[in-house]
Amino acid sequence: MTAAYLNMRITPHITFRLAFKGAASKSESMTKLRNFLRANEWLPFDCDYYTDLLAYHTENNGDCEIILYETPECALDKLADMFFSDIKKEKGIIWAKVLYNPYVDNLVGLYAGTCLYRQTSDLSDLKENDEVIILFR
């Protein structure tokens, strides 16, 4: 086991995946993701990471992954609703997915049906960590 694996947080969390229009590389998407997180106050302007609330990274193809962690100030389902609200407002995001868990029931119930023909998971039989599309533009 690697040191990174051993230090991984095993706490309740929500995982979002998304892509920005015109960001086909890791560096382009990282810049857009940080700008999005800062503009919506998920990330302080003076730092690149806010480990108490979230973790994020980008893939070589430009896809982004954001993990929101439970905080004493706000329940995870509320954080998910607030984060998705910011995603919907950002016209530069072309798709968004969430990994299924009980904290995202509300989001999946409200938005997965709008992307039925694009789903790769069976919405009638979701299991933990199934990827569900909740936005596609």
C-alpha atoms as a PDB file:
ATOM      1  CA  MET A   1       0.000   0.000   0.000  1.00  0.00           C
ATOM      2  CA  THR A   2       1.151   3.499  -0.795  1.00  0.00           C
ATOM      3  CA  ALA A   3       1.344   6.365   1.686  1.00  0.00           C
ATOM      4  CA  ALA A   4      -1.337   8.238  -0.310  1.00  0.00           C
ATOM      5  CA  TYR A   5      -3.707   5.288   0.043  1.00  0.00           C
ATOM      6  CA  LEU A   6      -3.123   5.078   3.787  1.00  0.00           C
ATOM      7  CA  ASN A   7      -3.760   8.806   4.213  1.00  0.00           C
ATOM      8  CA  MET A   8      -6.981   8.763   2.177  1.00  0.00           C
ATOM      9  CA  ARG A   9      -9.949  10.114   4.105  1.00  0.00           C
ATOM     10  CA  ILE A  10     -12.547   7.491   4.905  1.00  0.00           C
ATOM     11  CA  THR A  11     -15.391   9.814   5.851  1.00  0.00           C
ATOM     12  CA  PRO A  12     -18.827  10.424   4.393  1.00  0.00           C
ATOM     13  CA  HIS A  13     -18.430  12.235   1.092  1.00  0.00           C
ATOM     14  CA  ILE A  14     -19.988  13.019  -2.273  1.00  0.00           C
ATOM     15  CA  THR A  15     -18.135  12.673  -5.559  1.00  0.00           C
ATOM     16  CA  PHE A  16     -18.983  14.838  -8.562  1.00  0.00           C
ATOM     17  CA  ARG A  17     -17.451  14.459 -11.998  1.00  0.00           C
ATOM     18  CA  LEU A  18     -17.744  17.138 -14.660  1.00  0.00           C
ATOM     19  CA  ALA A  19     -16.250  18.551 -17.836  1.00  0.00           C
ATOM     20  CA  PHE A  20     -15.749  22.104 -19.042  1.00  0.00           C
ATOM     21  CA  LYS A  21     -16.399  23.198 -22.605  1.00  0.00           C
ATOM     22  CA  GLY A  22     -13.117  23.598 -24.504  1.00  0.00           C
ATOM     23  CA  ALA A  23     -10.932  22.020 -21.793  1.00  0.00           C
ATOM     24  CA  ALA A  24      -9.436  18.924 -23.378  1.00  0.00           C
ATOM     25  CA  SER A  25      -6.287  18.734 -21.288  1.00  0.00           C
ATOM     26  CA  LYS A  26      -5.395  18.364 -17.638  1.00  0.00           C
ATOM     27  CA  SER A  27      -3.907  21.861 -17.347  1.00  0.00           C
ATOM     28  CA  GLU A  28      -6.827  23.623 -19.081  1.00  0.00           C
ATOM     29  CA  SER A  29      -9.419  21.855 -16.985  1.00  0.00           C
ATOM     30  CA  MET A  30      -7.478  22.441 -13.750  1.00  0.00           C
ATOM     31  CA  THR A  31      -7.433  26.186 -14.400  1.00  0.00           C
ATOM     32  CA  LYS A  32     -11.155  26.247 -15.201  1.00  0.00           C
ATOM     33  CA  LEU A  33     -11.982  24.063 -12.195  1.00  0.00           C
ATOM     34  CA  ARG A  34     -10.033  26.250  -9.746  1.00  0.00           C
ATOM     35  CA  ASN A  35     -11.626  29.391 -11.207  1.00  0.00           C
ATOM     36  CA  PHE A  36     -15.082  27.816 -10.838  1.00  0.00           C
ATOM     37  CA  LEU A  37     -14.412  26.714  -7.242  1.00  0.00           C
ATOM     38  CA  ARG A  38     -13.061  30.135  -6.270  1.00  0.00           C
ATOM     39  CA  ALA A  39     -15.817  32.097  -8.018  1.00  0.00           C
ATOM     40  CA  ASN A  40     -18.440  30.100  -6.118  1.00  0.00           C
ATOM     41  CA  GLU A  41     -16.554  30.304  -2.801  1.00  0.00           C
ATOM     42  CA  TRP A  42     -15.819  26.578  -2.524  1.00  0.00           C
ATOM     43  CA  LEU A  43     -12.125  27.378  -2.516  1.00  0.00           C
ATOM     44  CA  PRO A  44     -10.448  30.418  -0.908  1.00  0.00           C
ATOM     45  CA  PHE A  45      -8.812  32.792  -3.403  1.00  0.00           C
ATOM     46  CA  ASP A  46      -5.456  32.624  -1.634  1.00  0.00           C
ATOM     47  CA  CYS A  47      -4.904  28.855  -1.763  1.00  0.00           C
ATOM     48  CA  ASP A  48      -5.228  25.877  -4.096  1.00  0.00           C
ATOM     49  CA  TYR A  49      -6.684  23.373  -1.645  1.00  0.00           C
ATOM     50  CA  TYR A  50      -9.257  23.427   1.147  1.00  0.00           C
ATOM     51  CA  THR A  51      -8.896  19.952   2.581  1.00  0.00           C
ATOM     52  CA  ASP A  52     -11.527  20.337   5.301  1.00  0.00           C
ATOM     53  CA  LEU A  53     -14.270  20.712   2.704  1.00  0.00           C
ATOM     54  CA  LEU A  54     -13.134  19.213  -0.582  1.00  0.00           C
ATOM     55  CA  ALA A  55     -10.549  17.471  -2.682  1.00  0.00           C
ATOM     56  CA  TYR A  56     -10.270  17.667  -6.456  1.00  0.00           C
ATOM     57  CA  HIS A  57      -8.200  16.595  -9.419  1.00  0.00           C
ATOM     58  CA  THR A  58      -8.365  16.495 -13.188  1.00  0.00           C
ATOM     59  CA  GLU A  59      -7.686  13.688 -15.621  1.00  0.00           C
ATOM     60  CA  ASN A  60      -5.479  13.846 -18.716  1.00  0.00           C
ATOM     61  CA  ASN A  61      -8.595  14.035 -20.940  1.00  0.00           C
ATOM     62  CA  GLY A  62      -9.867  17.144 -19.090  1.00  0.00           C
ATOM     63  CA  ASP A  63     -12.493  15.465 -16.893  1.00  0.00           C
ATOM     64  CA  CYS A  64     -12.661  16.816 -13.327  1.00  0.00           C
ATOM     65  CA  GLU A  65     -13.478  15.066 -10.066  1.00  0.00           C
ATOM     66  CA  ILE A  66     -14.525  16.922  -6.922  1.00  0.00           C
ATOM     67  CA  ILE A  67     -15.077  15.216  -3.573  1.00  0.00           C
ATOM     68  CA  LEU A  68     -17.073  17.100  -0.933  1.00  0.00           C
ATOM     69  CA  TYR A  69     -16.549  16.054   2.682  1.00  0.00           C
ATOM     70  CA  GLU A  70     -18.993  16.216   5.542  1.00  0.00           C
ATOM     71  CA  THR A  71     -18.587  19.258   7.781  1.00  0.00           C
ATOM     72  CA  PRO A  72     -20.115  20.067  11.173  1.00  0.00           C
ATOM     73  CA  GLU A  73     -21.646  23.223   9.682  1.00  0.00           C
ATOM     74  CA  CYS A  74     -23.614  21.630   6.844  1.00  0.00           C
ATOM     75  CA  ALA A  75     -25.103  18.224   6.062  1.00  0.00           C
ATOM     76  CA  LEU A  76     -23.784  16.417   2.983  1.00  0.00           C
ATOM     77  CA  ASP A  77     -27.116  16.398   1.166  1.00  0.00           C
ATOM     78  CA  LYS A  78     -27.311  20.198   1.543  1.00  0.00           C
ATOM     79  CA  LEU A  79     -23.713  20.564   0.309  1.00  0.00           C
ATOM     80  CA  ALA A  80     -24.617  18.439  -2.719  1.00  0.00           C
ATOM     81  CA  ASP A  81     -27.630  20.644  -3.485  1.00  0.00           C
ATOM     82  CA  MET A  82     -25.579  23.845  -3.138  1.00  0.00           C
ATOM     83  CA  PHE A  83     -22.720  22.508  -5.274  1.00  0.00           C
ATOM     84  CA  PHE A  84     -25.052  21.300  -8.013  1.00  0.00           C
ATOM     85  CA  SER A  85     -26.820  24.664  -7.988  1.00  0.00           C
ATOM     86  CA  ASP A  86     -23.463  26.292  -8.767  1.00  0.00           C
ATOM     87  CA  ILE A  87     -22.795  23.700 -11.491  1.00  0.00           C
ATOM     88  CA  LYS A  88     -26.130  24.484 -13.158  1.00  0.00           C
ATOM     89  CA  LYS A  89     -25.334  28.210 -13.193  1.00  0.00           C
ATOM     90  CA  GLU A  90     -21.925  27.661 -14.842  1.00  0.00           C
ATOM     91  CA  LYS A  91     -22.671  27.569 -18.588  1.00  0.00           C
ATOM     92  CA  GLY A  92     -19.116  26.371 -19.316  1.00  0.00           C
ATOM     93  CA  ILE A  93     -19.829  22.960 -17.736  1.00  0.00           C
ATOM     94  CA  ILE A  94     -21.086  20.585 -20.426  1.00  0.00           C
ATOM     95  CA  TRP A  95     -21.908  17.560 -18.261  1.00  0.00           C
ATOM     96  CA  ALA A  96     -21.979  16.577 -14.608  1.00  0.00           C
ATOM     97  CA  LYS A  97     -22.187  13.186 -12.942  1.00  0.00           C
ATOM     98  CA  VAL A  98     -22.435  12.095  -9.333  1.00  0.00           C
ATOM     99  CA  LEU A  99     -21.426   8.801  -7.755  1.00  0.00           C
ATOM    100  CA  TYR A 100     -24.515   7.395  -6.133  1.00  0.00           C
ATOM    101  CA  ASN A 101     -24.870   7.179  -2.353  1.00  0.00           C
ATOM    102  CA  PRO A 102     -27.726   8.033   0.050  1.00  0.00           C
ATOM    103  CA  TYR A 103     -26.618  11.675   0.290  1.00  0.00           C
ATOM    104  CA  VAL A 104     -27.412  12.294  -3.379  1.00  0.00           C
ATOM    105  CA  ASP A 105     -30.850  10.652  -3.510  1.00  0.00           C
ATOM    106  CA  ASN A 106     -32.521  14.032  -3.936  1.00  0.00           C
ATOM    107  CA  LEU A 107     -30.238  15.105  -6.806  1.00  0.00           C
ATOM    108  CA  VAL A 108     -30.604  11.784  -8.598  1.00  0.00           C
ATOM    109  CA  GLY A 109     -34.380  11.828  -8.130  1.00  0.00           C
ATOM    110  CA  LEU A 110     -34.731  15.351  -9.507  1.00  0.00           C
ATOM    111  CA  TYR A 111     -32.185  15.430 -12.337  1.00  0.00           C
ATOM    112  CA  ALA A 112     -31.183  11.947 -13.550  1.00  0.00           C
ATOM    113  CA  GLY A 113     -34.476  11.581 -15.410  1.00  0.00           C
ATOM    114  CA  THR A 114     -33.604  14.514 -17.667  1.00  0.00           C
ATOM    115  CA  CYS A 115     -30.673  12.476 -19.024  1.00  0.00           C
ATOM    116  CA  LEU A 116     -32.322   9.046 -19.262  1.00  0.00           C
ATOM    117  CA  TYR A 117     -31.058   8.207 -22.750  1.00  0.00           C
ATOM    118  CA  ARG A 118     -27.455   8.938 -21.685  1.00  0.00           C
ATOM    119  CA  GLN A 119     -27.414   6.922 -18.430  1.00  0.00           C
ATOM    120  CA  THR A 120     -25.068   3.954 -18.156  1.00  0.00           C
ATOM    121  CA  SER A 121     -26.472   2.853 -14.790  1.00  0.00           C
ATOM    122  CA  ASP A 122     -29.916   1.358 -14.259  1.00  0.00           C
ATOM    123  CA  LEU A 123     -31.725   4.099 -12.314  1.00  0.00           C
ATOM    124  CA  SER A 124     -34.232   1.617 -10.909  1.00  0.00           C
ATOM    125  CA  ASP A 125     -31.470  -0.419  -9.256  1.00  0.00           C
ATOM    126  CA  LEU A 126     -28.697   1.969  -8.197  1.00  0.00           C
ATOM    127  CA  LYS A 127     -25.868   0.691  -6.076  1.00  0.00           C
ATOM    128  CA  GLU A 128     -23.237   2.555  -4.077  1.00  0.00           C
ATOM    129  CA  ASN A 129     -20.803   4.417  -6.386  1.00  0.00           C
ATOM    130  CA  ASP A 130     -22.833   3.917  -9.586  1.00  0.00           C
ATOM    131  CA  GLU A 131     -22.146   6.879 -11.861  1.00  0.00           C
ATOM    132  CA  VAL A 132     -25.311   8.890 -12.601  1.00  0.00           C
ATOM    133  CA  ILE A 133     -25.529  11.732 -15.130  1.00  0.00           C
ATOM    134  CA  ILE A 134     -27.397  14.684 -13.616  1.00  0.00           C
ATOM    135  CA  LEU A 135     -26.615  17.352 -16.238  1.00  0.00           C
ATOM    136  CA  PHE A 136     -25.859  17.227 -19.956  1.00  0.00           C
ATOM    137  CA  ARG A 137     -25.787  20.276 -22.243  1.00  0.00           C
END
